Structures are given as structure tokens and as C-alpha cells.
Amino acid sequence: MKGTKPRILIVGTARSGTTNLSKALKYTFGLQKLGEPWNQQWNDYHLGPDTEPFPFPEGIKPYSLVKTLVQQLPRNKTNHVEFLTELSGYFDKTILLSRRDLTAMALSFEKAKEIGHWHTEYVVEDESKYNLDTRFHKFCQNLLEQVADILNLPITWYEELYSGDRQLFEKEVNKWELDIDIDYFSKYFDPEDRLRKFIPKKTTI
């Protein structure tokens, strides 16, 4: 794939870093990016009920990088796994991204809803105040695992990408079989840049 720009599809679960990964790939390869074209809640609110701004498949063809969440569907599709399997065929590479820690995923999800914005830094002072329900995230994880099995692709894990460990990071990136400069690419995945910020614990002397 040297000398050519790949067509890349990112399919992920919510709060697993899909937006940042798409940004990193966009700037690394100079790709035309389309983010969450089938986020129908956003489409309904901003464009009107039952709108489909990017009908499948014609709507995605101008874009060389598409990022979607595993639970999102075009209005003319009903089966997540069948759709994502079909969608993958329009791209050179498909990256599946998720998070091992479903509780952390659920907490990040609830905090984003509380703030009212999905890409804002946040602090959790008391995790016990959140009644975390991981059933939705387990459902999405299961969908992603089914797609991974059908396409015979590995899942890339958020925890490894943001581990700060060079070997773990490189192992995940190598799953994609893309020609990537690891030193350049890793700058997008500094653990200090994660949205969740931690307050240092006070100590007494």
C-alpha cells in the first residue's frame, strides 16, 4: 500500500477512542474523513426527522476514512452485523476498536451525558454516585465480536493504545497492517491527553 492512500473504516464501541483514532489516521495519511454518518439521533435533531444525509452506499464513496459506532445503522438496514460486514467491503482496511473495561466505558458514557458533550475533559470525584449499567455496552461489545469473527479481524483495545507502553502500542497498531510511522503516530495517544483527568490524592504527613 506504499504510495497510495488507503480507504479505512473504523468501527467501534462508544467511549473507546474512535474519534481520536480517526483524527490520527486522517492527519497521518491525509484522508477525507466522515464521522458517524448514521448517528440517527444527531441527524433527527439537527437535520429533521427521518433524514438520511449519507445514504448507504453512495453517501460514503467520496470519503476515504469513515468512522461509525457499532450500534449505528442506516435507516434502510436492520441487522448490525450484516450491515457492518457489507460496509467493510468498501474499504481496504477495517479497524475494530473497543475497551476491555466495560465499567470504565459505562462511566465515561454517563459522564458525557451529564456534561452534555462527548469530547470534553472531565473529572469524576465520586464514582459511587453513578448507577452504572453495562448492559448496553455488553450488547455493543458482543456485536463487535461477531463482526470480528466474520471478518477474521482482531479487535484493537483502547487500554493498550493509551497505555504509554511502546511495545503494547506498537503491537496494537501492527494489527492494522498499515504503513505507519510509529513515532509520529504515537503522539496522538499520549495517556496524558485522555479526556478523563484524575485529581492527585491528598496525603498527610
Protein backbone atom coordinates (compact mmCIF):
# COMPACT_ATOMS: atom_id res chain seq x y z
CA MET A 1 0.00 0.00 0.00
CA LYS A 2 3.05 2.26 -0.15
CA GLY A 3 2.49 5.36 -2.27
CA THR A 4 -1.31 5.11 -2.14
CA LYS A 5 -3.83 6.39 0.37
CA PRO A 6 -5.78 3.54 1.92
CA ARG A 7 -9.54 3.55 2.40
CA ILE A 8 -10.07 2.91 6.11
CA LEU A 9 -13.18 2.02 8.10
CA ILE A 10 -13.25 2.38 11.89
CA VAL A 11 -15.99 0.51 13.74
CA GLY A 12 -16.02 0.92 17.50
CA THR A 13 -17.98 0.93 20.69
CA ALA A 14 -18.92 4.17 22.40
CA ARG A 15 -16.21 5.83 24.53
CA SER A 16 -13.41 3.72 23.09
CA GLY A 17 -11.45 6.49 21.38
CA THR A 18 -12.83 6.21 17.85
CA THR A 19 -12.88 9.98 17.32
CA ASN A 20 -9.24 10.42 18.29
CA LEU A 21 -8.18 7.41 16.22
CA SER A 22 -9.97 8.80 13.18
CA LYS A 23 -8.25 12.14 13.67
CA ALA A 24 -4.85 10.47 13.94
CA LEU A 25 -5.41 8.45 10.76
CA LYS A 26 -6.80 11.46 8.91
CA TYR A 27 -3.66 13.52 9.51
CA THR A 28 -1.25 10.61 9.12
CA PHE A 29 -2.49 9.67 5.65
CA GLY A 30 -4.20 12.90 4.53
CA LEU A 31 -7.62 11.27 4.28
CA GLN A 32 -11.08 12.74 3.75
CA LYS A 33 -12.94 11.83 6.97
CA LEU A 34 -16.60 11.17 7.64
CA GLY A 35 -17.64 10.67 11.26
CA GLU A 36 -20.74 8.75 12.37
CA PRO A 37 -22.89 9.22 9.25
CA TRP A 38 -25.62 7.00 10.72
CA ASN A 39 -25.92 8.68 14.11
CA GLN A 40 -29.67 8.97 13.59
CA GLN A 41 -30.30 10.76 16.88
CA TRP A 42 -27.97 13.56 15.75
CA ASN A 43 -29.43 13.54 12.23
CA ASP A 44 -33.01 13.81 13.53
CA TYR A 45 -32.17 16.65 15.91
CA HIS A 46 -30.05 18.73 13.56
CA LEU A 47 -31.49 17.91 10.13
CA GLY A 48 -35.05 16.82 10.83
CA PRO A 49 -36.88 13.52 11.39
CA ASP A 50 -36.10 10.63 9.07
CA THR A 51 -33.33 12.43 7.18
CA GLU A 52 -30.50 10.34 5.74
CA PRO A 53 -27.65 12.69 4.75
CA PHE A 54 -25.32 9.83 3.82
CA PRO A 55 -27.40 7.04 2.27
CA PHE A 56 -25.61 3.74 2.02
CA PRO A 57 -23.60 3.03 -0.02
CA GLU A 58 -23.46 6.12 -2.26
CA GLY A 59 -23.07 8.56 0.63
CA ILE A 60 -19.76 7.13 1.81
CA LYS A 61 -17.99 6.75 -1.53
CA PRO A 62 -16.37 10.24 -1.57
CA TYR A 63 -14.73 9.56 1.81
CA SER A 64 -11.52 7.60 2.33
CA LEU A 65 -11.95 7.37 6.12
CA VAL A 66 -15.27 6.55 7.75
CA LYS A 67 -15.83 6.16 11.47
CA THR A 68 -19.02 4.61 12.81
CA LEU A 69 -20.19 3.15 16.09
CA VAL A 70 -21.19 -0.49 16.08
CA GLN A 71 -24.82 0.18 17.06
CA GLN A 72 -25.46 2.80 14.37
CA LEU A 73 -27.37 1.86 11.22
CA PRO A 74 -28.60 3.47 8.00
CA ARG A 75 -32.38 3.74 8.03
CA ASN A 76 -32.73 1.03 5.39
CA LYS A 77 -30.78 -1.54 7.42
CA THR A 78 -31.88 -3.59 10.43
CA ASN A 79 -29.14 -6.12 11.11
CA HIS A 80 -25.99 -4.62 12.63
CA VAL A 81 -23.63 -7.49 11.91
CA GLU A 82 -24.78 -8.00 8.33
CA PHE A 83 -24.55 -4.28 7.61
CA LEU A 84 -21.06 -3.86 9.07
CA THR A 85 -19.84 -6.92 7.21
CA GLU A 86 -21.17 -5.42 3.96
CA LEU A 87 -19.78 -1.97 4.82
CA SER A 88 -16.31 -3.39 5.36
CA GLY A 89 -16.20 -4.47 1.73
CA TYR A 90 -15.98 -0.84 0.59
CA PHE A 91 -12.64 -0.30 2.37
CA ASP A 92 -9.07 -1.52 2.14
CA LYS A 93 -8.73 -1.79 5.90
CA THR A 94 -11.24 -2.17 8.72
CA ILE A 95 -10.22 -1.34 12.28
CA LEU A 96 -12.36 -2.63 15.14
CA LEU A 97 -11.90 -0.67 18.36
CA SER A 98 -13.22 -1.25 21.86
CA ARG A 99 -12.43 -1.11 25.52
CA ARG A 100 -11.77 -4.06 27.81
CA ASP A 101 -13.08 -2.32 30.92
CA LEU A 102 -16.85 -2.06 30.39
CA THR A 103 -17.34 -0.34 33.75
CA ALA A 104 -14.93 2.43 32.77
CA MET A 105 -16.71 2.63 29.42
CA ALA A 106 -20.08 2.99 31.13
CA LEU A 107 -18.74 5.64 33.50
CA SER A 108 -17.30 7.66 30.62
CA PHE A 109 -20.62 7.33 28.78
CA GLU A 110 -22.67 8.55 31.76
CA LYS A 111 -20.29 11.43 32.44
CA ALA A 112 -20.51 12.59 28.82
CA LYS A 113 -24.30 12.58 29.03
CA GLU A 114 -24.11 14.53 32.29
CA ILE A 115 -21.81 17.16 30.76
CA GLY A 116 -23.79 17.27 27.53
CA HIS A 117 -20.69 16.96 25.34
CA TRP A 118 -18.81 13.89 24.13
CA HIS A 119 -15.35 15.38 23.65
CA THR A 120 -14.75 17.44 26.80
CA GLU A 121 -12.21 16.71 29.52
CA TYR A 122 -13.81 15.61 32.77
CA VAL A 123 -13.09 14.63 36.35
CA VAL A 124 -15.00 12.02 38.36
CA GLU A 125 -14.83 12.93 42.02
CA ASP A 126 -17.10 10.17 43.30
CA GLU A 127 -17.68 7.11 41.14
CA SER A 128 -20.19 5.68 43.63
CA LYS A 129 -22.78 8.32 42.75
CA TYR A 130 -23.21 6.82 39.28
CA ASN A 131 -25.59 3.90 38.88
CA LEU A 132 -23.63 2.21 36.12
CA ASP A 133 -25.43 -0.19 33.81
CA THR A 134 -23.10 -2.06 31.46
CA ARG A 135 -25.81 -3.99 29.57
CA PHE A 136 -25.82 -1.63 26.58
CA HIS A 137 -22.02 -1.74 26.41
CA LYS A 138 -22.02 -5.54 26.63
CA PHE A 139 -24.51 -5.63 23.76
CA CYS A 140 -22.26 -3.41 21.64
CA GLN A 141 -19.17 -5.41 22.57
CA ASN A 142 -20.94 -8.58 21.51
CA LEU A 143 -21.86 -7.06 18.15
CA LEU A 144 -18.24 -6.05 17.59
CA GLU A 145 -17.02 -9.53 18.49
CA GLN A 146 -19.43 -11.06 15.98
CA VAL A 147 -18.14 -8.74 13.25
CA ALA A 148 -14.56 -9.59 14.23
CA ASP A 149 -15.31 -13.31 13.90
CA ILE A 150 -16.97 -12.97 10.49
CA LEU A 151 -14.25 -10.71 9.05
CA ASN A 152 -11.47 -12.63 10.82
CA LEU A 153 -10.09 -9.40 12.27
CA PRO A 154 -8.57 -8.66 15.68
CA ILE A 155 -10.09 -6.09 18.00
CA THR A 156 -7.87 -3.15 18.89
CA TRP A 157 -8.04 -2.21 22.57
CA TYR A 158 -8.23 1.31 23.99
CA GLU A 159 -6.24 0.34 27.06
CA GLU A 160 -3.24 -0.73 25.00
CA LEU A 161 -3.36 2.30 22.69
CA TYR A 162 -3.27 4.64 25.68
CA SER A 163 -1.01 2.51 27.87
CA GLY A 164 2.09 4.64 27.37
CA ASP A 165 3.94 1.38 26.74
CA ARG A 166 5.73 1.49 23.38
CA GLN A 167 5.61 -2.28 22.82
CA LEU A 168 1.90 -2.60 23.65
CA PHE A 169 1.08 0.39 21.46
CA GLU A 170 3.06 -0.89 18.51
CA LYS A 171 1.51 -4.34 18.84
CA GLU A 172 -1.99 -2.85 18.50
CA VAL A 173 -1.09 -0.61 15.56
CA ASN A 174 0.59 -3.51 13.75
CA LYS A 175 -2.75 -5.35 13.77
CA TRP A 176 -3.94 -2.99 11.04
CA GLU A 177 -1.12 -3.80 8.60
CA LEU A 178 -0.79 -0.16 7.59
CA ASP A 179 2.42 1.67 6.69
CA ILE A 180 2.57 3.94 9.75
CA ASP A 181 5.42 5.89 11.30
CA ILE A 182 5.02 4.76 14.92
CA ASP A 183 6.96 7.70 16.37
CA TYR A 184 4.74 10.22 14.58
CA PHE A 185 1.51 8.30 15.16
CA SER A 186 2.07 7.71 18.88
CA LYS A 187 1.90 11.44 19.65
CA TYR A 188 -1.87 11.23 19.24
CA PHE A 189 -2.13 8.64 22.02
CA ASP A 190 -0.34 10.20 24.96
CA PRO A 191 -2.08 8.91 28.14
CA GLU A 192 -1.98 12.48 29.46
CA ASP A 193 -4.34 13.52 26.67
CA ARG A 194 -7.18 11.18 27.64
CA LEU A 195 -10.42 13.01 28.36
CA ARG A 196 -10.69 11.74 31.92
CA LYS A 197 -8.43 13.62 34.31
CA PHE A 198 -7.52 12.37 37.75
CA ILE A 199 -7.16 14.55 40.83
CA PRO A 200 -3.98 13.69 42.76
CA LYS A 201 -4.80 12.12 46.08
CA LYS A 202 -4.07 14.25 49.10
CA THR A 203 -1.51 12.88 51.50
CA THR A 204 -0.92 13.72 55.12
CA ILE A 205 2.49 13.95 56.70
